[in-house]
């Protein structure tokens, strides 16, 4: 699967997404591929806890030079 910038991504890659409902940029890790996108684990700013969310294909950007 590819990110917004057409870079190939894999499970364990660090990506930037927008936090659901709050639209902050957050850094997360791809934990699973789905037929239409990826599941990303990230740290929520609003409640200071970890969460997972689905992100559609192209709705994230891989962070180069970082790995979990």
Protein backbone atom coordinates (compact mmCIF):
# COMPACT_ATOMS: atom_id res chain seq x y z
CA UNK A 1 0.00 0.00 0.00
CA UNK A 2 1.13 3.57 -0.57
CA UNK A 3 0.80 6.80 1.39
CA UNK A 4 -0.32 10.24 0.19
CA UNK A 5 3.13 10.91 -1.34
CA UNK A 6 3.09 7.54 -3.18
CA UNK A 7 5.68 5.99 -0.83
CA UNK A 8 5.37 2.27 -0.10
CA UNK A 9 4.47 1.54 3.55
CA UNK A 10 4.68 -1.58 5.73
CA UNK A 11 3.43 -2.74 9.12
CA UNK A 12 5.56 -1.03 11.79
CA UNK A 13 6.20 2.13 9.76
CA UNK A 14 5.78 5.47 11.52
CA UNK A 15 3.20 7.71 9.84
CA UNK A 16 1.50 11.07 10.39
CA UNK A 17 -2.31 11.16 10.50
CA UNK A 18 -4.95 13.64 11.60
CA UNK A 19 -6.44 12.69 14.97
CA UNK A 20 -10.10 11.71 14.52
CA UNK A 21 -12.59 14.43 15.59
CA UNK A 22 -9.82 16.85 16.65
CA UNK A 23 -7.81 17.19 13.41
CA UNK A 24 -4.44 17.55 15.16
CA UNK A 25 -1.49 16.01 13.38
CA UNK A 26 -0.28 12.99 15.36
CA UNK A 27 2.41 10.41 14.83
CA UNK A 28 1.32 6.79 14.79
CA UNK A 29 2.44 3.29 13.80
CA UNK A 30 0.80 1.06 11.20
CA UNK A 31 -0.39 -2.09 12.99
CA UNK A 32 -2.52 -3.76 10.30
CA UNK A 33 -3.51 -3.54 6.66
CA UNK A 34 -7.18 -3.73 5.66
CA UNK A 35 -8.67 -4.02 2.17
CA UNK A 36 -9.32 -0.25 2.03
CA UNK A 37 -6.59 1.24 4.21
CA UNK A 38 -4.60 0.74 7.40
CA UNK A 39 -5.15 0.55 11.15
CA UNK A 40 -2.89 2.99 13.01
CA UNK A 41 -2.02 3.08 16.72
CA UNK A 42 -1.40 6.60 18.02
CA UNK A 43 -1.29 8.66 21.22
CA UNK A 44 -4.37 10.85 21.81
CA UNK A 45 -3.63 14.42 22.92
CA UNK A 46 -7.13 15.06 24.29
CA UNK A 47 -7.18 12.20 26.80
CA UNK A 48 -3.47 11.37 27.07
CA UNK A 49 -4.07 7.72 26.13
CA UNK A 50 -3.28 5.34 23.27
CA UNK A 51 -5.89 4.55 20.62
CA UNK A 52 -6.28 2.86 17.23
CA UNK A 53 -8.09 4.17 14.19
CA UNK A 54 -8.72 3.20 10.58
CA UNK A 55 -7.18 5.47 7.96
CA UNK A 56 -8.14 5.15 4.31
CA UNK A 57 -5.53 4.62 1.61
CA UNK A 58 -3.62 7.85 1.02
CA UNK A 59 -4.85 9.44 4.26
CA UNK A 60 -1.45 9.30 5.94
CA UNK A 61 2.18 10.19 5.27
CA UNK A 62 5.16 7.98 6.10
CA UNK A 63 7.79 9.59 8.34
CA UNK A 64 11.17 8.86 6.75
CA UNK A 65 14.09 7.86 8.96
CA UNK A 66 11.95 6.71 11.90
CA UNK A 67 10.88 3.26 12.92
CA UNK A 68 9.21 1.90 16.00
